[in-house]
N, C-alpha and C. Protein backbone atom coordinates (compact mmCIF):
# COMPACT_ATOMS: atom_id res chain seq x y z
N MET A 1 56.72 -7.81 56.57
CA MET A 1 56.11 -9.09 56.88
C MET A 1 55.39 -8.96 58.21
N GLY A 2 55.80 -9.64 59.22
CA GLY A 2 55.12 -9.57 60.51
C GLY A 2 54.60 -10.91 60.94
N MET A 3 54.02 -10.94 62.10
CA MET A 3 53.46 -12.17 62.63
C MET A 3 51.97 -12.18 62.35
N ILE A 4 51.54 -13.16 61.57
CA ILE A 4 50.17 -13.25 61.10
C ILE A 4 49.43 -14.35 61.86
N GLY A 5 48.23 -14.03 62.37
CA GLY A 5 47.40 -15.01 63.06
C GLY A 5 46.58 -15.80 62.06
N ASN A 6 46.65 -17.13 62.17
CA ASN A 6 45.95 -18.01 61.24
C ASN A 6 45.07 -19.00 61.98
N TYR A 7 43.92 -19.28 61.39
CA TYR A 7 43.00 -20.28 61.91
C TYR A 7 42.75 -21.34 60.84
N ILE A 8 42.68 -22.57 61.28
CA ILE A 8 42.20 -23.64 60.42
C ILE A 8 41.18 -24.44 61.22
N THR A 9 40.31 -25.12 60.52
CA THR A 9 39.41 -26.06 61.17
C THR A 9 39.85 -27.46 60.75
N VAL A 10 39.79 -28.37 61.71
CA VAL A 10 40.25 -29.73 61.45
C VAL A 10 39.34 -30.74 62.14
N THR A 11 39.47 -31.96 61.69
CA THR A 11 38.83 -33.09 62.35
C THR A 11 39.79 -33.61 63.42
N ALA A 12 39.30 -34.50 64.26
CA ALA A 12 40.16 -35.10 65.28
C ALA A 12 41.32 -35.84 64.63
N GLU A 13 41.06 -36.49 63.50
CA GLU A 13 42.10 -37.25 62.81
C GLU A 13 43.18 -36.34 62.24
N LEU A 14 42.77 -35.23 61.63
CA LEU A 14 43.75 -34.30 61.08
C LEU A 14 44.55 -33.63 62.20
N LEU A 15 43.90 -33.32 63.30
CA LEU A 15 44.61 -32.75 64.45
C LEU A 15 45.67 -33.72 64.95
N GLN A 16 45.34 -34.99 65.01
CA GLN A 16 46.32 -35.99 65.46
C GLN A 16 47.49 -36.08 64.47
N ALA A 17 47.21 -35.99 63.18
CA ALA A 17 48.27 -36.03 62.18
C ALA A 17 49.20 -34.82 62.31
N ILE A 18 48.65 -33.67 62.68
CA ILE A 18 49.47 -32.48 62.93
C ILE A 18 50.34 -32.72 64.16
N ARG A 19 49.73 -33.26 65.20
CA ARG A 19 50.48 -33.53 66.43
C ARG A 19 51.57 -34.58 66.22
N ASP A 20 51.29 -35.55 65.37
CA ASP A 20 52.27 -36.59 65.05
C ASP A 20 53.29 -36.11 64.04
N GLU A 21 53.12 -34.87 63.57
CA GLU A 21 53.97 -34.23 62.58
C GLU A 21 54.02 -35.00 61.26
N GLU A 22 52.91 -35.65 60.94
CA GLU A 22 52.74 -36.29 59.64
C GLU A 22 52.31 -35.26 58.60
N ILE A 23 51.68 -34.19 59.09
CA ILE A 23 51.19 -33.12 58.23
C ILE A 23 51.66 -31.80 58.83
N SER A 24 52.17 -30.91 57.98
CA SER A 24 52.60 -29.60 58.43
C SER A 24 51.43 -28.61 58.37
N LEU A 25 51.36 -27.76 59.37
CA LEU A 25 50.36 -26.69 59.35
C LEU A 25 50.49 -25.84 58.09
N HIS A 26 51.72 -25.65 57.66
CA HIS A 26 51.99 -24.79 56.52
C HIS A 26 51.52 -25.39 55.20
N GLY A 27 51.16 -26.66 55.22
CA GLY A 27 50.62 -27.30 54.03
C GLY A 27 49.10 -27.23 53.96
N ILE A 28 48.49 -26.65 54.99
CA ILE A 28 47.04 -26.52 55.06
C ILE A 28 46.68 -25.05 54.88
N GLU A 29 45.87 -24.77 53.92
CA GLU A 29 45.47 -23.39 53.65
C GLU A 29 44.65 -22.85 54.83
N PRO A 30 45.05 -21.71 55.41
CA PRO A 30 44.26 -21.15 56.52
C PRO A 30 42.83 -20.86 56.09
N LYS A 31 41.89 -21.15 56.97
CA LYS A 31 40.49 -20.80 56.71
C LYS A 31 40.26 -19.33 57.00
N LEU A 32 41.08 -18.80 57.92
CA LEU A 32 40.98 -17.39 58.27
C LEU A 32 42.36 -16.87 58.64
N ASP A 33 42.73 -15.76 58.05
CA ASP A 33 43.97 -15.05 58.34
C ASP A 33 43.54 -13.72 58.94
N ILE A 34 43.93 -13.45 60.19
CA ILE A 34 43.54 -12.19 60.82
C ILE A 34 44.71 -11.21 60.85
N ASP A 35 45.63 -11.41 59.94
CA ASP A 35 46.75 -10.51 59.76
C ASP A 35 47.44 -10.26 61.10
N LYS A 36 47.78 -9.05 61.39
CA LYS A 36 48.52 -8.72 62.62
C LYS A 36 47.60 -8.29 63.76
N ALA A 37 46.30 -8.46 63.59
CA ALA A 37 45.33 -8.00 64.59
C ALA A 37 45.15 -8.97 65.75
N TRP A 38 45.81 -10.12 65.71
CA TRP A 38 45.55 -11.19 66.68
C TRP A 38 45.75 -10.77 68.14
N GLN A 39 46.85 -10.11 68.48
CA GLN A 39 47.07 -9.78 69.89
C GLN A 39 46.15 -8.65 70.35
N ALA A 40 45.91 -7.67 69.51
CA ALA A 40 45.00 -6.58 69.88
C ALA A 40 43.58 -7.11 70.05
N LEU A 41 43.16 -8.02 69.19
CA LEU A 41 41.83 -8.62 69.35
C LEU A 41 41.76 -9.44 70.63
N HIS A 42 42.79 -10.22 70.89
CA HIS A 42 42.81 -11.02 72.11
C HIS A 42 42.74 -10.10 73.34
N TYR A 43 43.52 -9.04 73.34
CA TYR A 43 43.56 -8.10 74.45
C TYR A 43 42.18 -7.46 74.65
N THR A 44 41.57 -7.02 73.58
CA THR A 44 40.28 -6.35 73.67
C THR A 44 39.19 -7.31 74.14
N LEU A 45 39.16 -8.49 73.57
CA LEU A 45 38.11 -9.46 73.92
C LEU A 45 38.31 -10.07 75.31
N SER A 46 39.56 -10.21 75.72
CA SER A 46 39.82 -10.83 77.02
C SER A 46 39.94 -9.80 78.13
N GLY A 47 39.61 -8.55 77.83
CA GLY A 47 39.69 -7.51 78.85
C GLY A 47 41.09 -7.28 79.36
N GLY A 48 42.06 -7.38 78.48
CA GLY A 48 43.45 -7.21 78.89
C GLY A 48 43.98 -8.40 79.67
N GLY A 49 43.32 -9.52 79.52
CA GLY A 49 43.78 -10.73 80.18
C GLY A 49 42.94 -11.12 81.38
N THR A 50 41.98 -10.26 81.77
CA THR A 50 41.17 -10.57 82.94
C THR A 50 40.15 -11.67 82.67
N GLU A 51 39.87 -11.95 81.39
CA GLU A 51 38.89 -12.98 81.04
C GLU A 51 39.52 -14.07 80.18
N GLU A 52 40.77 -14.37 80.41
CA GLU A 52 41.50 -15.36 79.61
C GLU A 52 40.77 -16.70 79.53
N GLY A 53 40.17 -17.15 80.62
CA GLY A 53 39.52 -18.45 80.64
C GLY A 53 38.10 -18.44 80.12
N SER A 54 37.61 -17.28 79.72
CA SER A 54 36.24 -17.17 79.24
C SER A 54 36.15 -17.53 77.76
N ALA A 55 34.92 -17.66 77.28
CA ALA A 55 34.72 -17.94 75.85
C ALA A 55 35.27 -16.80 75.00
N LEU A 56 35.14 -15.56 75.45
CA LEU A 56 35.70 -14.44 74.68
C LEU A 56 37.21 -14.44 74.72
N GLY A 57 37.78 -14.87 75.83
CA GLY A 57 39.24 -14.98 75.92
C GLY A 57 39.79 -16.07 75.02
N ALA A 58 38.91 -16.99 74.59
CA ALA A 58 39.33 -18.09 73.72
C ALA A 58 39.19 -17.78 72.24
N VAL A 59 38.62 -16.64 71.89
CA VAL A 59 38.44 -16.31 70.47
C VAL A 59 39.78 -16.34 69.75
N VAL A 60 40.77 -15.70 70.35
CA VAL A 60 42.15 -15.79 69.89
C VAL A 60 42.85 -16.57 71.01
N PRO A 61 42.85 -17.90 70.90
CA PRO A 61 43.31 -18.73 72.03
C PRO A 61 44.82 -18.63 72.21
N MET A 62 45.22 -17.99 73.29
CA MET A 62 46.65 -17.78 73.51
C MET A 62 47.07 -18.14 74.92
N ASN A 63 46.26 -18.87 75.65
CA ASN A 63 46.65 -19.20 77.02
C ASN A 63 46.96 -20.70 77.15
N GLY A 64 47.48 -21.06 78.29
CA GLY A 64 47.89 -22.44 78.53
C GLY A 64 46.78 -23.45 78.41
N GLN A 65 45.56 -23.04 78.71
CA GLN A 65 44.43 -23.96 78.63
C GLN A 65 44.26 -24.52 77.21
N HIS A 66 44.59 -23.75 76.20
CA HIS A 66 44.39 -24.16 74.81
C HIS A 66 45.69 -24.54 74.10
N TYR A 67 46.80 -24.43 74.80
CA TYR A 67 48.09 -24.70 74.18
C TYR A 67 48.23 -26.18 73.84
N ALA A 68 48.54 -26.48 72.58
CA ALA A 68 48.67 -27.87 72.13
C ALA A 68 50.12 -28.28 71.96
N GLY A 69 51.01 -27.32 71.79
CA GLY A 69 52.42 -27.64 71.62
C GLY A 69 53.03 -26.89 70.46
N HIS A 70 54.28 -27.24 70.19
CA HIS A 70 55.05 -26.61 69.11
C HIS A 70 55.10 -27.58 67.93
N TYR A 71 54.40 -27.24 66.87
CA TYR A 71 54.35 -28.08 65.68
C TYR A 71 54.57 -27.21 64.45
N SER A 72 55.24 -27.76 63.46
CA SER A 72 55.47 -27.06 62.19
C SER A 72 56.09 -25.68 62.43
N ASP A 73 57.02 -25.59 63.37
CA ASP A 73 57.69 -24.33 63.70
C ASP A 73 56.73 -23.25 64.17
N ALA A 74 55.67 -23.63 64.87
CA ALA A 74 54.70 -22.65 65.38
C ALA A 74 54.15 -23.13 66.73
N GLU A 75 53.82 -22.17 67.55
CA GLU A 75 53.09 -22.48 68.78
C GLU A 75 51.63 -22.67 68.37
N VAL A 76 51.04 -23.78 68.77
CA VAL A 76 49.71 -24.16 68.30
C VAL A 76 48.74 -24.19 69.48
N PHE A 77 47.57 -23.60 69.25
CA PHE A 77 46.50 -23.56 70.24
C PHE A 77 45.27 -24.20 69.62
N VAL A 78 44.54 -24.99 70.40
CA VAL A 78 43.41 -25.75 69.87
C VAL A 78 42.18 -25.57 70.74
N LEU A 79 41.04 -25.39 70.09
CA LEU A 79 39.75 -25.42 70.77
C LEU A 79 39.01 -26.66 70.29
N GLU A 80 38.48 -27.42 71.22
CA GLU A 80 37.69 -28.60 70.89
C GLU A 80 36.29 -28.17 70.46
N PRO A 81 35.56 -29.04 69.76
CA PRO A 81 34.24 -28.65 69.23
C PRO A 81 33.30 -28.01 70.26
N GLU A 82 33.27 -28.50 71.48
CA GLU A 82 32.38 -27.89 72.49
C GLU A 82 32.85 -26.48 72.84
N GLN A 83 34.17 -26.27 72.91
CA GLN A 83 34.71 -24.94 73.17
C GLN A 83 34.44 -24.00 72.00
N VAL A 84 34.50 -24.55 70.79
CA VAL A 84 34.20 -23.76 69.59
C VAL A 84 32.75 -23.29 69.64
N LYS A 85 31.86 -24.19 70.03
CA LYS A 85 30.44 -23.86 70.14
C LYS A 85 30.21 -22.75 71.16
N GLU A 86 30.86 -22.85 72.33
CA GLU A 86 30.73 -21.82 73.37
C GLU A 86 31.29 -20.48 72.89
N THR A 87 32.40 -20.54 72.19
CA THR A 87 33.02 -19.32 71.69
C THR A 87 32.15 -18.67 70.63
N ALA A 88 31.60 -19.46 69.73
CA ALA A 88 30.71 -18.93 68.69
C ALA A 88 29.49 -18.27 69.32
N ALA A 89 28.93 -18.90 70.35
CA ALA A 89 27.76 -18.34 71.03
C ALA A 89 28.11 -17.02 71.72
N ALA A 90 29.27 -16.95 72.33
CA ALA A 90 29.70 -15.71 72.99
C ALA A 90 29.89 -14.59 71.98
N LEU A 91 30.43 -14.92 70.82
CA LEU A 91 30.65 -13.91 69.78
C LEU A 91 29.36 -13.44 69.14
N ASP A 92 28.40 -14.33 69.09
CA ASP A 92 27.15 -14.04 68.38
C ASP A 92 26.47 -12.77 68.90
N GLY A 93 26.54 -12.53 70.19
CA GLY A 93 25.86 -11.37 70.74
C GLY A 93 26.67 -10.09 70.73
N ILE A 94 27.88 -10.13 70.23
CA ILE A 94 28.75 -8.94 70.30
C ILE A 94 28.62 -8.11 69.02
N GLU A 95 28.37 -6.85 69.25
CA GLU A 95 28.27 -5.89 68.15
C GLU A 95 29.39 -4.86 68.28
N GLU A 96 29.46 -3.99 67.31
CA GLU A 96 30.53 -2.99 67.26
C GLU A 96 30.58 -2.13 68.53
N ALA A 97 29.44 -1.72 69.05
CA ALA A 97 29.42 -0.84 70.23
C ALA A 97 30.08 -1.52 71.43
N TYR A 98 29.84 -2.79 71.61
CA TYR A 98 30.44 -3.53 72.73
C TYR A 98 31.96 -3.57 72.58
N LEU A 99 32.43 -3.84 71.37
CA LEU A 99 33.86 -3.89 71.13
C LEU A 99 34.50 -2.52 71.34
N ARG A 100 33.83 -1.48 70.87
CA ARG A 100 34.34 -0.11 71.07
C ARG A 100 34.47 0.21 72.55
N GLU A 101 33.51 -0.24 73.34
CA GLU A 101 33.53 0.02 74.78
C GLU A 101 34.75 -0.63 75.44
N ARG A 102 35.16 -1.78 74.96
CA ARG A 102 36.29 -2.52 75.54
C ARG A 102 37.64 -2.11 74.94
N TYR A 103 37.59 -1.38 73.85
CA TYR A 103 38.79 -0.99 73.11
C TYR A 103 39.57 0.07 73.88
N GLN A 104 40.78 -0.25 74.28
CA GLN A 104 41.62 0.64 75.08
C GLN A 104 42.93 0.92 74.34
N PHE A 105 42.84 1.75 73.31
CA PHE A 105 43.98 2.01 72.44
C PHE A 105 45.23 2.44 73.22
N ARG A 106 45.10 3.46 74.03
CA ARG A 106 46.26 4.01 74.75
C ARG A 106 46.86 2.95 75.68
N GLN A 107 46.03 2.22 76.38
CA GLN A 107 46.52 1.18 77.29
C GLN A 107 47.25 0.08 76.52
N MET A 108 46.68 -0.32 75.38
CA MET A 108 47.35 -1.35 74.56
C MET A 108 48.69 -0.85 74.05
N LEU A 109 48.73 0.40 73.61
CA LEU A 109 49.97 1.00 73.13
C LEU A 109 51.01 1.02 74.25
N ASP A 110 50.59 1.46 75.43
CA ASP A 110 51.50 1.53 76.58
C ASP A 110 52.01 0.16 76.99
N GLU A 111 51.20 -0.87 76.83
CA GLU A 111 51.59 -2.22 77.23
C GLU A 111 52.30 -3.00 76.11
N GLY A 112 52.49 -2.36 74.96
CA GLY A 112 53.23 -2.98 73.88
C GLY A 112 52.47 -4.08 73.15
N VAL A 113 51.16 -3.94 73.08
CA VAL A 113 50.35 -4.94 72.37
C VAL A 113 50.65 -4.85 70.88
N TYR A 114 50.97 -6.00 70.30
CA TYR A 114 51.29 -6.11 68.88
C TYR A 114 50.03 -5.87 68.07
N PRO A 115 50.10 -5.16 66.99
CA PRO A 115 51.21 -4.54 66.27
C PRO A 115 51.28 -3.02 66.47
N LEU A 116 50.71 -2.51 67.52
CA LEU A 116 50.60 -1.06 67.69
C LEU A 116 51.95 -0.36 67.79
N VAL A 117 52.00 0.81 67.17
CA VAL A 117 53.17 1.69 67.25
C VAL A 117 52.66 3.11 67.49
N ASP A 118 53.56 3.98 67.94
CA ASP A 118 53.18 5.33 68.36
C ASP A 118 52.41 6.14 67.31
N ASP A 119 52.70 5.95 66.04
CA ASP A 119 52.02 6.79 65.05
C ASP A 119 50.71 6.18 64.53
N ASP A 120 50.23 5.09 65.12
CA ASP A 120 48.92 4.54 64.74
C ASP A 120 47.82 5.49 65.20
N GLU A 121 46.79 5.57 64.40
CA GLU A 121 45.61 6.38 64.73
C GLU A 121 44.57 5.47 65.39
N PRO A 122 44.04 5.85 66.56
CA PRO A 122 43.10 4.99 67.28
C PRO A 122 41.88 4.54 66.46
N GLU A 123 41.24 5.45 65.76
CA GLU A 123 40.04 5.09 65.00
C GLU A 123 40.39 4.20 63.80
N GLU A 124 41.46 4.52 63.14
CA GLU A 124 41.90 3.72 62.00
C GLU A 124 42.25 2.29 62.45
N PHE A 125 42.92 2.18 63.58
CA PHE A 125 43.28 0.85 64.07
C PHE A 125 42.04 0.07 64.51
N PHE A 126 41.09 0.76 65.14
CA PHE A 126 39.85 0.06 65.51
C PHE A 126 39.17 -0.50 64.27
N ASP A 127 39.08 0.29 63.21
CA ASP A 127 38.44 -0.18 61.97
C ASP A 127 39.17 -1.40 61.41
N TYR A 128 40.48 -1.37 61.43
CA TYR A 128 41.30 -2.51 60.98
C TYR A 128 40.97 -3.74 61.81
N MET A 129 40.98 -3.58 63.13
CA MET A 129 40.72 -4.69 64.03
C MET A 129 39.28 -5.20 63.87
N TYR A 130 38.34 -4.30 63.73
CA TYR A 130 36.92 -4.68 63.62
C TYR A 130 36.65 -5.49 62.35
N THR A 131 37.34 -5.19 61.28
CA THR A 131 37.19 -5.96 60.05
C THR A 131 37.51 -7.44 60.31
N TYR A 132 38.58 -7.70 61.03
CA TYR A 132 38.94 -9.08 61.34
C TYR A 132 38.01 -9.69 62.39
N PHE A 133 37.52 -8.87 63.29
CA PHE A 133 36.56 -9.36 64.28
C PHE A 133 35.31 -9.91 63.59
N THR A 134 34.77 -9.18 62.63
CA THR A 134 33.56 -9.66 61.94
C THR A 134 33.85 -10.95 61.17
N ALA A 135 35.03 -11.06 60.61
CA ALA A 135 35.40 -12.31 59.91
C ALA A 135 35.51 -13.46 60.91
N MET A 136 36.01 -13.18 62.12
CA MET A 136 36.13 -14.22 63.14
C MET A 136 34.76 -14.70 63.59
N LYS A 137 33.81 -13.79 63.72
CA LYS A 137 32.45 -14.19 64.11
C LYS A 137 31.90 -15.21 63.12
N GLU A 138 32.05 -14.93 61.85
CA GLU A 138 31.55 -15.84 60.82
C GLU A 138 32.33 -17.15 60.82
N PHE A 139 33.64 -17.06 60.99
CA PHE A 139 34.48 -18.26 61.04
C PHE A 139 34.03 -19.18 62.17
N TYR A 140 33.85 -18.64 63.36
CA TYR A 140 33.43 -19.46 64.51
C TYR A 140 32.02 -20.00 64.33
N ARG A 141 31.14 -19.23 63.73
CA ARG A 141 29.78 -19.70 63.47
C ARG A 141 29.82 -20.93 62.57
N THR A 142 30.61 -20.88 61.53
CA THR A 142 30.74 -21.99 60.60
C THR A 142 31.43 -23.19 61.25
N ALA A 143 32.51 -22.93 61.98
CA ALA A 143 33.24 -24.02 62.65
C ALA A 143 32.35 -24.73 63.67
N SER A 144 31.53 -23.97 64.36
CA SER A 144 30.61 -24.55 65.34
C SER A 144 29.57 -25.43 64.64
N ALA A 145 29.01 -24.93 63.55
CA ALA A 145 28.02 -25.70 62.80
C ALA A 145 28.63 -26.99 62.25
N ASP A 146 29.92 -26.94 61.90
CA ASP A 146 30.61 -28.12 61.36
C ASP A 146 31.13 -29.04 62.46
N GLN A 147 30.99 -28.64 63.72
CA GLN A 147 31.51 -29.39 64.87
C GLN A 147 33.00 -29.70 64.71
N ALA A 148 33.73 -28.68 64.28
CA ALA A 148 35.16 -28.83 64.00
C ALA A 148 36.01 -28.40 65.18
N TYR A 149 37.24 -28.85 65.18
CA TYR A 149 38.26 -28.33 66.07
C TYR A 149 38.79 -27.06 65.41
N VAL A 150 39.16 -26.08 66.20
CA VAL A 150 39.78 -24.86 65.67
C VAL A 150 41.24 -24.86 66.12
N VAL A 151 42.11 -24.65 65.16
CA VAL A 151 43.55 -24.56 65.42
C VAL A 151 43.97 -23.13 65.10
N PHE A 152 44.68 -22.51 66.05
CA PHE A 152 45.20 -21.16 65.85
C PHE A 152 46.72 -21.21 65.98
N TYR A 153 47.39 -20.51 65.08
CA TYR A 153 48.85 -20.41 65.16
C TYR A 153 49.29 -19.10 64.50
N ILE A 154 50.48 -18.68 64.81
CA ILE A 154 51.04 -17.46 64.25
C ILE A 154 52.19 -17.83 63.34
N SER A 155 52.15 -17.28 62.14
CA SER A 155 53.24 -17.56 61.18
C SER A 155 53.94 -16.29 60.76
């Protein structure tokens, strides 16, 4: 199994219903499942945490600025429509070469970034992570166009 990163897009009303615990996150089909790549993607995009407050640091929102609370047995992070727009714009210009330049396999392994283990192959893991990165770019592009809130949680 493992800890899977999930994204949904919601309206302000649906977000409030989640916060009021009228609706469970688990009853909403994820719009994007990034499998176990969430922490490695966050680490790579946020420069190991040096850019946590930036639009790239918000792609996988895991800091206090985006923390919404504990709902449906999950820690929930939310980006508002304007933040979604900024994040989508930041992602739009990123290509594979940029991500490869920021990719620090050995450092992530040494720091215990999930889901890396000693027998992972650096190139194979990059390909795995990049597949989810391209899906995230499209997800944010669509969420921005829809002026939606983005909810991220790990299940």
